[in-house]
Amino acid sequence: MEVKDQYLMKNGEVFFYLADTCWSAFTNIELDEWESYCQFRQKQGYNVIQINVLRQWDASHISIRRDPFEVTLLDDGHYIYDYQNIHEDYFDRAEKMLEIMRKYHLTPALVLLWANYVPDTWTNPMIMNNLFNKAYLINYVKYVVKRFQKYEPIYFVSGDTDFPTLQTIEYYQIVLDTLKKYDKESLVSFHIKGRLDEIPEQFLKCIDFFSYQSGHNKNYQNTAFTIPQKLRQKGIKMPIINTEPCYEQISYSHSCHEFGRFSREDIRKIAWQSILSGANAGITYGAHGIWSWHHKGENFGVHTGEGFDVPFDVITALTFQGAYDYAFLKQLVLKYQIYLSHPVNIELMHTPLIRISQKDNDYFIYLPCNTELDVSCLNLNLSQYTITAIDLEKRTSETLKHHNQVIEMHSGQKDALYILSLKK
């Protein structure tokens, strides 16, 4: 896999990064479940699965405990890892899972060191594990990278992190340097905490694409488009991907303070707003129940991390329709080469929620709510354009008419993608 301009390539073809989130795979999923899951996501059109190499701090509980290191369990729920003693059987099993992924042409995107293992990050007041012993970081990263290299993974140096202190940065520098030493081919990025729009300059120079997270806080969903917009305005030319938009049916973060869950329509809106604002190299889907691999009746700590409400059972979560919407998004991005488009920072209808991008003489407009659309701000002669509306819920299309600079409403009741194509 390689980077070309603002998008990714694999085996000579455009690779639109369409990931599902399964952070807890290596600890929580049985091998037969994993094969069925991988086969299903591959049939839907997914090509990447995001996984935490180590134990996910807010995973759902399971009856069989699997740990990557020798562990001491304490009565109060805390656990202490001996980071010097790697459990080889854990990584043997992880390799079997990566083999299954390869069978279904799925690329692993692996987090090497989640924030709860690193000093001074925002997670530290809530963690149940001991911090990673810095003396054993090189050995751990070397071990993982040399074992997994043949599966051609993408690596996230960090998971859900911030960079508050020099000590935090030092940890990630060790991970990054070791990764680069033993695997010079894999693409590398940082998975960072919600709403963060920058990483230390020393890391920015070393990554292959910029990964950001618009996240699960209801009050900050606009970061789906404001972050890539800001990055492009700062001159960031590499691919940008929203690798953690709000998950389907996850509760608003800190749910003890605000009630509600993100719907299929919510997550579809965030995806398209990301894509048309400069983050058009890919998108990540998440289902509440899949990322933590939750089985009904098992414990899920609502006060851990961001305080999410109970997930759905994995069997139910796999039926969520938003996963198909994201796969349809991928089809449209590739068909119309939206990965080559650039954001147009003009507001239509006096709202930033309508997003626009441009490729040559063609325009792509995401309309989150049906209305007659005044596009006079674009200064186009609409008589020279074919206007196609794609209903993103029903996945149907129609040709629209216009009067002067106002495009008529489409026939759907939800959101739509408008494609304004210059007539030949």
Protein backbone atom coordinates (compact mmCIF):
# COMPACT_ATOMS: atom_id res chain seq x y z
CA MET A 1 0.00 0.00 0.00
CA GLU A 2 1.21 3.51 -0.75
CA VAL A 3 0.19 7.14 -0.61
CA LYS A 4 -0.54 9.11 -3.77
CA ASP A 5 -1.37 12.77 -3.23
CA GLN A 6 -4.45 12.84 -0.96
CA TYR A 7 -5.52 9.22 -1.31
CA LEU A 8 -4.20 5.65 -0.93
CA MET A 9 -3.21 3.09 -3.55
CA LYS A 10 -2.87 -0.68 -3.33
CA ASN A 11 -1.61 -2.93 -6.13
CA GLY A 12 -1.91 -0.08 -8.60
CA GLU A 13 -5.54 0.75 -7.78
CA VAL A 14 -7.18 3.41 -5.64
CA PHE A 15 -7.71 2.06 -2.14
CA PHE A 16 -10.59 3.80 -0.40
CA TYR A 17 -10.07 3.01 3.29
CA LEU A 18 -13.44 1.66 4.47
CA ALA A 19 -12.87 0.31 7.96
CA ASP A 20 -15.00 -1.30 10.59
CA THR A 21 -14.11 -0.82 14.25
CA CYS A 22 -13.37 -3.97 16.25
CA TRP A 23 -10.94 -2.77 18.91
CA SER A 24 -11.54 -5.81 21.15
CA ALA A 25 -11.03 -8.52 18.55
CA PHE A 26 -7.88 -10.17 19.91
CA THR A 27 -9.22 -10.55 23.45
CA ASN A 28 -12.95 -11.06 22.97
CA ILE A 29 -13.80 -12.94 19.79
CA GLU A 30 -13.88 -16.68 19.24
CA LEU A 31 -12.27 -17.85 16.00
CA ASP A 32 -15.50 -19.15 14.46
CA GLU A 33 -17.23 -15.85 15.24
CA TRP A 34 -14.29 -13.98 13.72
CA GLU A 35 -14.42 -15.88 10.44
CA SER A 36 -18.15 -15.24 10.06
CA TYR A 37 -17.70 -11.59 10.92
CA CYS A 38 -14.83 -11.07 8.47
CA GLN A 39 -16.69 -12.82 5.68
CA PHE A 40 -19.77 -10.67 6.30
CA ARG A 41 -17.92 -7.35 6.36
CA GLN A 42 -15.93 -8.27 3.25
CA LYS A 43 -19.17 -9.05 1.38
CA GLN A 44 -20.52 -5.66 2.42
CA GLY A 45 -17.51 -3.95 0.85
CA TYR A 46 -15.23 -3.28 3.83
CA ASN A 47 -11.48 -3.59 3.32
CA VAL A 48 -9.99 -2.62 6.73
CA ILE A 49 -10.63 -3.70 10.32
CA GLN A 50 -9.30 -1.48 13.15
CA ILE A 51 -8.00 -3.55 16.09
CA ASN A 52 -6.24 -2.82 19.36
CA VAL A 53 -3.24 -5.17 19.67
CA LEU A 54 -3.54 -5.08 23.47
CA ARG A 55 -6.52 -5.30 25.82
CA GLN A 56 -9.09 -2.59 25.08
CA TRP A 57 -9.68 -0.73 28.34
CA ASP A 58 -13.45 -0.39 27.86
CA ALA A 59 -14.18 -3.71 26.12
CA SER A 60 -17.19 -5.75 27.11
CA HIS A 61 -16.51 -8.53 29.59
CA ILE A 62 -16.22 -12.16 28.46
CA SER A 63 -16.02 -15.44 30.35
CA ILE A 64 -12.60 -16.40 28.96
CA ARG A 65 -9.86 -13.90 29.77
CA ARG A 66 -7.01 -13.51 27.27
CA ASP A 67 -4.02 -11.30 28.03
CA PRO A 68 -0.94 -10.36 26.00
CA PHE A 69 1.35 -10.41 29.06
CA GLU A 70 1.69 -12.23 32.35
CA VAL A 71 -1.01 -10.70 34.54
CA THR A 72 -1.87 -10.39 38.23
CA LEU A 73 -5.59 -9.81 38.89
CA LEU A 74 -6.53 -7.77 41.95
CA ASP A 75 -9.73 -8.09 43.95
CA ASP A 76 -10.90 -4.58 43.12
CA GLY A 77 -10.84 -5.22 39.36
CA HIS A 78 -7.43 -3.69 38.69
CA TYR A 79 -4.80 -5.78 36.93
CA ILE A 80 -1.02 -5.60 36.78
CA TYR A 81 0.89 -6.68 33.70
CA ASP A 82 4.44 -7.96 33.71
CA TYR A 83 5.39 -6.33 30.41
CA GLN A 84 8.64 -8.27 30.28
CA ASN A 85 6.78 -11.58 29.89
CA ILE A 86 4.90 -11.75 26.61
CA HIS A 87 2.21 -14.41 26.26
CA GLU A 88 3.14 -16.07 22.99
CA ASP A 89 -0.12 -18.01 22.84
CA TYR A 90 -2.02 -14.69 22.76
CA PHE A 91 -0.08 -13.63 19.68
CA ASP A 92 -0.30 -17.10 18.13
CA ARG A 93 -4.06 -16.70 18.29
CA ALA A 94 -3.89 -13.13 16.96
CA GLU A 95 -1.94 -14.45 13.98
CA LYS A 96 -4.68 -16.96 13.25
CA MET A 97 -7.14 -14.04 13.19
CA LEU A 98 -4.90 -12.09 10.83
CA GLU A 99 -4.71 -15.15 8.58
CA ILE A 100 -8.50 -15.17 8.41
CA MET A 101 -8.49 -11.47 7.55
CA ARG A 102 -6.04 -12.10 4.73
CA LYS A 103 -8.32 -14.86 3.42
CA TYR A 104 -11.07 -12.24 3.02
CA HIS A 105 -8.77 -9.49 1.68
CA LEU A 106 -9.14 -7.35 4.79
CA THR A 107 -6.28 -5.10 5.86
CA PRO A 108 -5.60 -4.91 9.61
CA ALA A 109 -5.17 -1.43 11.07
CA LEU A 110 -3.45 -2.16 14.37
CA VAL A 111 -3.09 0.12 17.40
CA LEU A 112 0.23 -0.53 19.12
CA LEU A 113 -0.23 1.47 22.33
CA TRP A 114 -3.61 2.74 23.50
CA ALA A 115 -3.64 5.83 25.70
CA ASN A 116 -4.37 3.87 28.90
CA TYR A 117 -0.87 2.33 28.74
CA VAL A 118 0.91 5.69 28.48
CA PRO A 119 1.66 8.20 31.26
CA ASP A 120 -0.24 11.49 31.65
CA THR A 121 -2.91 10.96 28.98
CA TRP A 122 -6.53 11.93 29.59
CA THR A 123 -7.34 8.28 30.43
CA ASN A 124 -5.01 8.01 33.43
CA PRO A 125 -7.51 8.88 36.21
CA MET A 126 -9.79 6.03 35.06
CA ILE A 127 -7.51 3.16 34.10
CA MET A 128 -7.57 -0.30 35.72
CA ASN A 129 -4.16 -1.43 34.42
CA ASN A 130 -0.60 -0.42 35.27
CA LEU A 131 1.21 1.81 32.79
CA PHE A 132 3.54 0.18 30.30
CA ASN A 133 7.07 -0.13 31.65
CA LYS A 134 9.13 2.03 29.32
CA ALA A 135 12.10 -0.35 29.56
CA TYR A 136 10.12 -3.04 27.71
CA LEU A 137 8.53 -0.92 24.98
CA ILE A 138 11.17 -1.65 22.35
CA ASN A 139 10.97 -5.39 22.94
CA TYR A 140 7.16 -5.37 22.70
CA VAL A 141 6.96 -3.31 19.51
CA LYS A 142 9.77 -5.28 17.87
CA TYR A 143 8.03 -8.54 18.74
CA VAL A 144 4.67 -7.43 17.33
CA VAL A 145 6.02 -5.85 14.17
CA LYS A 146 8.25 -8.80 13.25
CA ARG A 147 5.39 -11.28 13.84
CA PHE A 148 2.75 -9.33 11.97
CA GLN A 149 4.78 -7.88 9.09
CA LYS A 150 3.74 -10.58 6.63
CA TYR A 151 0.09 -9.51 6.98
CA GLU A 152 0.90 -6.02 5.60
CA PRO A 153 -0.91 -4.07 8.34
CA ILE A 154 -1.46 -0.39 8.72
CA TYR A 155 -0.23 0.80 12.12
CA PHE A 156 -1.58 3.34 14.53
CA VAL A 157 1.22 4.22 16.94
CA SER A 158 -1.36 5.43 19.46
CA GLY A 159 -4.97 4.83 20.39
CA ASP A 160 -7.36 7.60 21.47
CA THR A 161 -4.50 9.67 22.83
CA ASP A 162 -3.56 13.24 23.60
CA PHE A 163 -0.01 14.57 24.07
CA PRO A 164 -0.05 16.52 27.33
CA THR A 165 3.55 16.04 28.49
CA LEU A 166 7.05 15.32 27.23
CA GLN A 167 6.85 11.93 28.92
CA THR A 168 3.78 11.03 26.87
CA ILE A 169 5.55 12.07 23.68
CA GLU A 170 8.66 10.11 24.65
CA TYR A 171 6.67 6.89 24.92
CA TYR A 172 5.18 7.32 21.48
CA GLN A 173 8.54 8.30 20.02
CA ILE A 174 9.98 4.99 21.21
CA VAL A 175 7.07 3.11 19.63
CA LEU A 176 7.36 5.03 16.36
CA ASP A 177 11.14 4.64 16.09
CA THR A 178 10.99 0.91 16.80
CA LEU A 179 8.16 0.41 14.31
CA LYS A 180 10.05 2.28 11.59
CA LYS A 181 13.24 0.34 12.32
CA TYR A 182 11.68 -3.10 11.88
CA ASP A 183 8.99 -2.34 9.29
CA LYS A 184 9.80 0.32 6.73
CA GLU A 185 6.89 -0.53 4.41
CA SER A 186 3.69 -0.34 6.47
CA LEU A 187 1.66 2.86 6.49
CA VAL A 188 1.72 4.67 9.84
CA SER A 189 -0.54 7.16 11.59
CA PHE A 190 -1.69 8.15 15.09
CA HIS A 191 -5.19 7.50 16.37
CA ILE A 192 -5.91 10.53 18.54
CA LYS A 193 -8.64 11.52 20.96
CA GLY A 194 -11.89 13.12 19.91
CA ARG A 195 -11.80 16.71 18.65
CA LEU A 196 -7.98 16.91 18.63
CA ASP A 197 -6.78 18.51 15.40
CA GLU A 198 -3.01 18.36 15.72
CA ILE A 199 -0.15 16.10 16.72
CA PRO A 200 3.42 17.02 17.69
CA GLU A 201 5.39 18.27 14.69
CA GLN A 202 7.97 15.51 15.09
CA PHE A 203 5.22 12.94 14.49
CA LEU A 204 3.48 14.87 11.72
CA LYS A 205 6.62 14.57 9.61
CA CYS A 206 6.64 10.77 9.95
CA ILE A 207 3.04 9.73 9.28
CA ASP A 208 1.54 8.64 5.98
CA PHE A 209 -1.99 9.93 6.58
CA PHE A 210 -3.67 12.12 9.18
CA SER A 211 -6.19 10.26 11.32
CA TYR A 212 -8.68 12.27 13.38
CA GLN A 213 -11.72 11.47 15.48
CA SER A 214 -14.92 13.51 15.45
CA GLY A 215 -16.07 11.15 18.20
CA HIS A 216 -19.21 10.63 20.21
CA ASN A 217 -19.90 13.89 22.02
CA LYS A 218 -23.19 15.26 20.73
CA ASN A 219 -22.06 18.86 21.15
CA TYR A 220 -18.99 18.56 18.91
CA GLN A 221 -20.19 16.70 15.84
CA ASN A 222 -19.25 19.64 13.61
CA THR A 223 -15.60 18.64 14.07
CA ALA A 224 -16.26 16.03 11.39
CA PHE A 225 -15.88 18.87 8.89
CA THR A 226 -14.09 21.63 10.82
CA ILE A 227 -11.00 19.49 11.51
CA PRO A 228 -10.22 18.46 7.91
CA GLN A 229 -11.15 21.95 6.77
CA LYS A 230 -8.61 23.41 9.20
CA LEU A 231 -5.94 20.86 8.22
CA ARG A 232 -6.30 21.64 4.51
CA GLN A 233 -6.20 25.36 5.20
CA LYS A 234 -2.94 24.83 7.13
CA GLY A 235 -1.43 23.21 4.06
CA ILE A 236 -1.71 19.54 5.06
CA LYS A 237 -1.62 17.69 1.74
CA MET A 238 -1.49 14.06 2.89
CA PRO A 239 -4.59 11.81 2.98
CA ILE A 240 -6.97 12.58 5.86
CA ILE A 241 -9.38 10.02 7.35
CA ASN A 242 -11.98 10.30 10.09
CA THR A 243 -11.11 7.02 11.82
CA GLU A 244 -13.63 7.39 14.63
CA PRO A 245 -16.85 9.17 13.78
CA CYS A 246 -19.82 8.53 16.05
CA TYR A 247 -20.75 4.85 16.10
CA GLU A 248 -24.20 3.67 15.13
CA GLN A 249 -26.42 3.33 18.23
CA ILE A 250 -23.70 4.39 20.66
CA SER A 251 -24.98 6.70 23.35
CA TYR A 252 -23.78 10.27 23.53
CA SER A 253 -20.54 10.32 25.50
CA HIS A 254 -20.98 11.00 29.22
CA SER A 255 -24.45 9.50 28.85
CA CYS A 256 -25.15 9.98 32.52
CA HIS A 257 -25.50 13.69 31.69
CA GLU A 258 -27.31 13.55 28.35
CA PHE A 259 -29.72 10.94 27.05
CA GLY A 260 -29.73 9.60 23.51
CA ARG A 261 -28.00 7.47 20.89
CA PHE A 262 -26.61 8.22 17.44
CA SER A 263 -28.88 6.98 14.66
CA ARG A 264 -28.18 5.60 11.21
CA GLU A 265 -28.99 9.02 9.76
CA ASP A 266 -26.67 10.76 12.24
CA ILE A 267 -23.67 8.64 11.33
CA ARG A 268 -24.35 8.92 7.59
CA LYS A 269 -24.38 12.70 7.87
CA ILE A 270 -21.05 12.75 9.70
CA ALA A 271 -19.46 10.46 7.12
CA TRP A 272 -20.46 12.60 4.15
CA GLN A 273 -19.57 15.84 5.91
CA SER A 274 -16.11 14.39 6.54
CA ILE A 275 -15.62 13.20 2.96
CA LEU A 276 -16.62 16.48 1.30
CA SER A 277 -14.51 18.58 3.69
CA GLY A 278 -11.13 17.16 2.75
CA ALA A 279 -11.12 13.82 4.61
CA ASN A 280 -11.82 11.87 1.43
CA ALA A 281 -9.22 9.09 1.56
CA GLY A 282 -11.55 6.89 3.62
CA ILE A 283 -13.95 6.62 6.53
CA THR A 284 -14.43 4.28 9.50
CA TYR A 285 -17.73 2.75 10.55
CA GLY A 286 -18.51 1.67 14.09
CA ALA A 287 -21.44 -0.23 15.63
CA HIS A 288 -22.12 -0.13 19.37
CA GLY A 289 -21.75 -3.80 20.22
CA ILE A 290 -19.12 -4.67 17.63
CA TRP A 291 -16.19 -2.51 18.74
CA SER A 292 -16.40 -3.90 22.31
CA TRP A 293 -17.72 -7.30 21.10
CA HIS A 294 -20.64 -7.42 23.46
CA HIS A 295 -22.79 -10.42 24.28
CA LYS A 296 -26.11 -9.82 25.98
CA GLY A 297 -25.90 -10.40 29.72
CA GLU A 298 -22.18 -9.64 29.98
CA ASN A 299 -20.95 -6.61 31.91
CA PHE A 300 -20.12 -3.32 30.26
CA GLY A 301 -18.92 -0.54 32.51
CA VAL A 302 -20.87 2.60 31.66
CA HIS A 303 -18.56 4.68 33.83
CA THR A 304 -15.38 3.56 32.07
CA GLY A 305 -13.88 5.93 29.52
CA GLU A 306 -16.51 8.28 28.15
CA GLY A 307 -19.43 6.78 30.03
CA PHE A 308 -21.28 5.04 27.20
CA ASP A 309 -24.58 3.26 27.73
CA VAL A 310 -24.92 -0.52 27.35
CA PRO A 311 -24.08 -1.88 23.86
CA PHE A 312 -26.30 -4.08 21.74
CA ASP A 313 -25.53 -7.78 21.39
CA VAL A 314 -23.13 -8.44 18.49
CA ILE A 315 -25.78 -10.39 16.60
CA THR A 316 -28.08 -7.37 16.66
CA ALA A 317 -25.30 -4.87 16.00
CA LEU A 318 -24.32 -6.71 12.83
CA THR A 319 -27.79 -5.97 11.41
CA PHE A 320 -27.45 -2.18 11.75
CA GLN A 321 -28.20 -0.62 8.38
CA GLY A 322 -25.66 2.16 8.66
CA ALA A 323 -22.92 -0.30 7.69
CA TYR A 324 -24.54 -0.60 4.27
CA ASP A 325 -24.77 3.19 3.99
CA TYR A 326 -21.00 3.45 4.49
CA ALA A 327 -20.41 0.74 1.88
CA PHE A 328 -22.63 2.71 -0.53
CA LEU A 329 -20.59 5.82 0.25
CA LYS A 330 -17.46 3.93 -0.80
CA GLN A 331 -19.11 2.95 -4.09
CA LEU A 332 -20.02 6.57 -4.84
CA VAL A 333 -16.59 7.93 -3.90
CA LEU A 334 -14.92 5.50 -6.29
CA LYS A 335 -17.48 5.80 -9.09
CA TYR A 336 -17.37 9.61 -9.21
CA GLN A 337 -13.72 9.91 -8.11
CA ILE A 338 -14.65 12.02 -5.12
CA TYR A 339 -11.26 11.11 -3.64
CA LEU A 340 -9.84 13.60 -6.17
CA SER A 341 -12.13 16.43 -5.09
CA HIS A 342 -11.24 19.41 -2.94
CA PRO A 343 -13.48 21.14 -0.39
CA VAL A 344 -15.25 24.33 -1.35
CA ASN A 345 -15.45 26.56 1.69
CA ILE A 346 -18.65 28.36 0.78
CA GLU A 347 -21.82 28.22 2.86
CA LEU A 348 -25.10 27.49 1.13
CA MET A 349 -28.40 28.40 2.79
CA HIS A 350 -26.41 30.13 5.59
CA THR A 351 -25.38 26.84 7.20
CA PRO A 352 -22.04 24.99 7.37
CA LEU A 353 -23.90 21.65 7.58
CA ILE A 354 -24.27 21.56 3.80
CA ARG A 355 -20.85 20.48 2.53
CA ILE A 356 -19.41 21.01 -0.95
CA SER A 357 -16.42 19.66 -2.82
CA GLN A 358 -15.23 20.17 -6.37
CA LYS A 359 -13.44 17.99 -8.92
CA ASP A 360 -12.48 19.86 -12.06
CA ASN A 361 -15.80 21.40 -13.22
CA ASP A 362 -18.04 19.05 -11.24
CA TYR A 363 -19.49 19.71 -7.79
CA PHE A 364 -20.60 17.36 -5.02
CA ILE A 365 -23.03 18.73 -2.45
CA TYR A 366 -24.19 16.92 0.69
CA LEU A 367 -27.68 18.06 1.67
CA PRO A 368 -28.58 16.78 5.15
CA CYS A 369 -32.20 17.93 4.96
CA ASN A 370 -34.43 18.19 1.90
CA THR A 371 -35.08 21.71 0.70
CA GLU A 372 -35.02 23.86 -2.39
CA LEU A 373 -31.32 24.59 -2.69
CA ASP A 374 -30.08 28.03 -3.62
CA VAL A 375 -26.60 27.67 -5.12
CA SER A 376 -26.15 31.25 -6.31
CA CYS A 377 -23.04 31.55 -4.11
CA LEU A 378 -21.28 29.13 -6.46
CA ASN A 379 -21.74 31.49 -9.45
CA LEU A 380 -22.63 28.69 -11.84
CA ASN A 381 -24.69 28.71 -15.00
CA LEU A 382 -26.89 25.78 -14.00
CA SER A 383 -28.22 25.35 -17.54
CA GLN A 384 -24.78 23.95 -18.40
CA TYR A 385 -25.00 21.28 -15.70
CA THR A 386 -26.78 17.98 -15.26
CA ILE A 387 -28.06 17.82 -11.67
CA THR A 388 -28.32 14.34 -10.16
CA ALA A 389 -29.70 13.71 -6.68
CA ILE A 390 -28.81 10.46 -4.93
CA ASP A 391 -31.12 9.55 -2.06
CA LEU A 392 -28.66 8.24 0.55
CA GLU A 393 -31.29 6.35 2.52
CA LYS A 394 -33.01 4.56 -0.37
CA ARG A 395 -29.90 4.56 -2.61
CA THR A 396 -31.85 5.75 -5.65
CA SER A 397 -31.10 8.60 -8.05
CA GLU A 398 -33.03 11.14 -10.06
CA THR A 399 -32.36 14.14 -12.28
CA LEU A 400 -33.45 17.49 -10.87
CA LYS A 401 -34.55 20.70 -12.50
CA HIS A 402 -33.73 24.23 -11.44
CA HIS A 403 -35.18 27.70 -11.67
CA ASN A 404 -32.51 30.35 -12.02
CA GLN A 405 -30.05 29.47 -9.22
CA VAL A 406 -32.45 27.35 -7.14
CA ILE A 407 -32.48 23.56 -7.46
CA GLU A 408 -35.82 21.86 -6.83
CA MET A 409 -36.33 19.45 -3.94
CA HIS A 410 -35.50 15.81 -4.48
CA SER A 411 -38.19 13.19 -3.89
CA GLY A 412 -36.71 11.66 -0.74
CA GLN A 413 -37.38 12.50 2.90
CA LYS A 414 -33.82 12.27 4.25
CA ASP A 415 -30.37 13.37 3.11
CA ALA A 416 -29.00 13.35 -0.41
CA LEU A 417 -25.83 13.78 -2.43
CA TYR A 418 -26.20 16.23 -5.31
CA ILE A 419 -23.84 15.85 -8.24
CA LEU A 420 -23.56 18.83 -10.57
CA SER A 421 -21.86 17.60 -13.74
CA LEU A 422 -20.83 19.95 -16.51
CA LYS A 423 -22.50 18.90 -19.75
CA LYS A 424 -20.16 17.79 -22.51
